[in-house]
Amino acid sequence: MAYIISDSCLKCGACADTCPVGAIAEGEDKYIIDADVCISCGACAGTCPVEAIEEA
């Protein structure tokens, strides 16, 4: 199951730097995760300073 980023995202980019498959990109208001690319490893969730990333 892919992960999602909530509206509490600070747009710090920590998650995008951690993603091993490049599934995270900067959106207009927050970072977004491409569910078709996400391998559900959870690496991004562990790096988010505000815990804005969770399983979908």
C-alpha atoms as a PDB file:
ATOM      1  CA  MET A   1       0.000   0.000   0.000  1.00  0.00           C
ATOM      2  CA  ALA A   2       1.396   3.372  -0.997  1.00  0.00           C
ATOM      3  CA  TYR A   3       2.011   6.211   1.418  1.00  0.00           C
ATOM      4  CA  ILE A   4       0.371   9.657   1.365  1.00  0.00           C
ATOM      5  CA  ILE A   5       1.492  13.051   2.610  1.00  0.00           C
ATOM      6  CA  SER A   6      -0.970  15.085   4.665  1.00  0.00           C
ATOM      7  CA  ASP A   7      -1.546  18.834   4.625  1.00  0.00           C
ATOM      8  CA  SER A   8       0.783  19.230   7.624  1.00  0.00           C
ATOM      9  CA  CYS A   9       3.736  18.845   5.207  1.00  0.00           C
ATOM     10  CA  LEU A  10       6.296  21.640   5.656  1.00  0.00           C
ATOM     11  CA  LYS A  11       7.817  21.136   2.183  1.00  0.00           C
ATOM     12  CA  CYS A  12      11.249  20.550   3.713  1.00  0.00           C
ATOM     13  CA  GLY A  13      12.160  17.886   1.135  1.00  0.00           C
ATOM     14  CA  ALA A  14      13.546  15.346   3.601  1.00  0.00           C
ATOM     15  CA  CYS A  15      11.184  12.669   2.318  1.00  0.00           C
ATOM     16  CA  ALA A  16      12.070  13.204  -1.336  1.00  0.00           C
ATOM     17  CA  ASP A  17      15.770  12.908  -0.558  1.00  0.00           C
ATOM     18  CA  THR A  18      15.143   9.595   1.232  1.00  0.00           C
ATOM     19  CA  CYS A  19      12.883   7.864  -1.308  1.00  0.00           C
ATOM     20  CA  PRO A  20      14.877   5.058  -2.997  1.00  0.00           C
ATOM     21  CA  VAL A  21      12.681   5.015  -6.109  1.00  0.00           C
ATOM     22  CA  GLY A  22      12.070   8.742  -6.628  1.00  0.00           C
ATOM     23  CA  ALA A  23       8.319   8.520  -6.011  1.00  0.00           C
ATOM     24  CA  ILE A  24       8.126  11.865  -4.189  1.00  0.00           C
ATOM     25  CA  ALA A  25       7.947  15.213  -5.948  1.00  0.00           C
ATOM     26  CA  GLU A  26       7.291  18.775  -4.849  1.00  0.00           C
ATOM     27  CA  GLY A  27       3.688  19.793  -5.355  1.00  0.00           C
ATOM     28  CA  GLU A  28       2.131  23.228  -5.186  1.00  0.00           C
ATOM     29  CA  ASP A  29       1.265  23.164  -1.465  1.00  0.00           C
ATOM     30  CA  LYS A  30       3.072  20.033  -0.266  1.00  0.00           C
ATOM     31  CA  TYR A  31       5.149  17.128  -1.498  1.00  0.00           C
ATOM     32  CA  ILE A  32       3.235  14.343  -3.243  1.00  0.00           C
ATOM     33  CA  ILE A  33       3.857  10.615  -3.584  1.00  0.00           C
ATOM     34  CA  ASP A  34       3.232   8.858  -6.900  1.00  0.00           C
ATOM     35  CA  ALA A  35       1.326   5.741  -5.794  1.00  0.00           C
ATOM     36  CA  ASP A  36       2.267   3.926  -9.014  1.00  0.00           C
ATOM     37  CA  VAL A  37       5.975   4.313  -8.224  1.00  0.00           C
ATOM     38  CA  CYS A  38       5.907   3.982  -4.417  1.00  0.00           C
ATOM     39  CA  ILE A  39       7.169   0.599  -3.179  1.00  0.00           C
ATOM     40  CA  SER A  40       5.710   1.080   0.328  1.00  0.00           C
ATOM     41  CA  CYS A  41       9.088   0.819   2.045  1.00  0.00           C
ATOM     42  CA  GLY A  42       8.264   3.529   4.618  1.00  0.00           C
ATOM     43  CA  ALA A  43      11.649   5.234   4.411  1.00  0.00           C
ATOM     44  CA  CYS A  44       9.986   8.596   3.839  1.00  0.00           C
ATOM     45  CA  ALA A  45       7.734   8.310   6.894  1.00  0.00           C
ATOM     46  CA  GLY A  46      10.725   7.860   9.156  1.00  0.00           C
ATOM     47  CA  THR A  47      12.376  11.061   7.973  1.00  0.00           C
ATOM     48  CA  CYS A  48       9.400  13.437   8.149  1.00  0.00           C
ATOM     49  CA  PRO A  49       9.934  15.883  11.041  1.00  0.00           C
ATOM     50  CA  VAL A  50       6.183  16.519  11.457  1.00  0.00           C
ATOM     51  CA  GLU A  51       4.954  12.953  10.841  1.00  0.00           C
ATOM     52  CA  ALA A  52       2.961  14.066   7.792  1.00  0.00           C
ATOM     53  CA  ILE A  53       3.437  10.752   5.951  1.00  0.00           C
ATOM     54  CA  GLU A  54       1.238   7.738   6.564  1.00  0.00           C
ATOM     55  CA  GLU A  55      -0.001   4.623   4.800  1.00  0.00           C
ATOM     56  CA  ALA A  56      -2.885   5.264   2.435  1.00  0.00           C
END
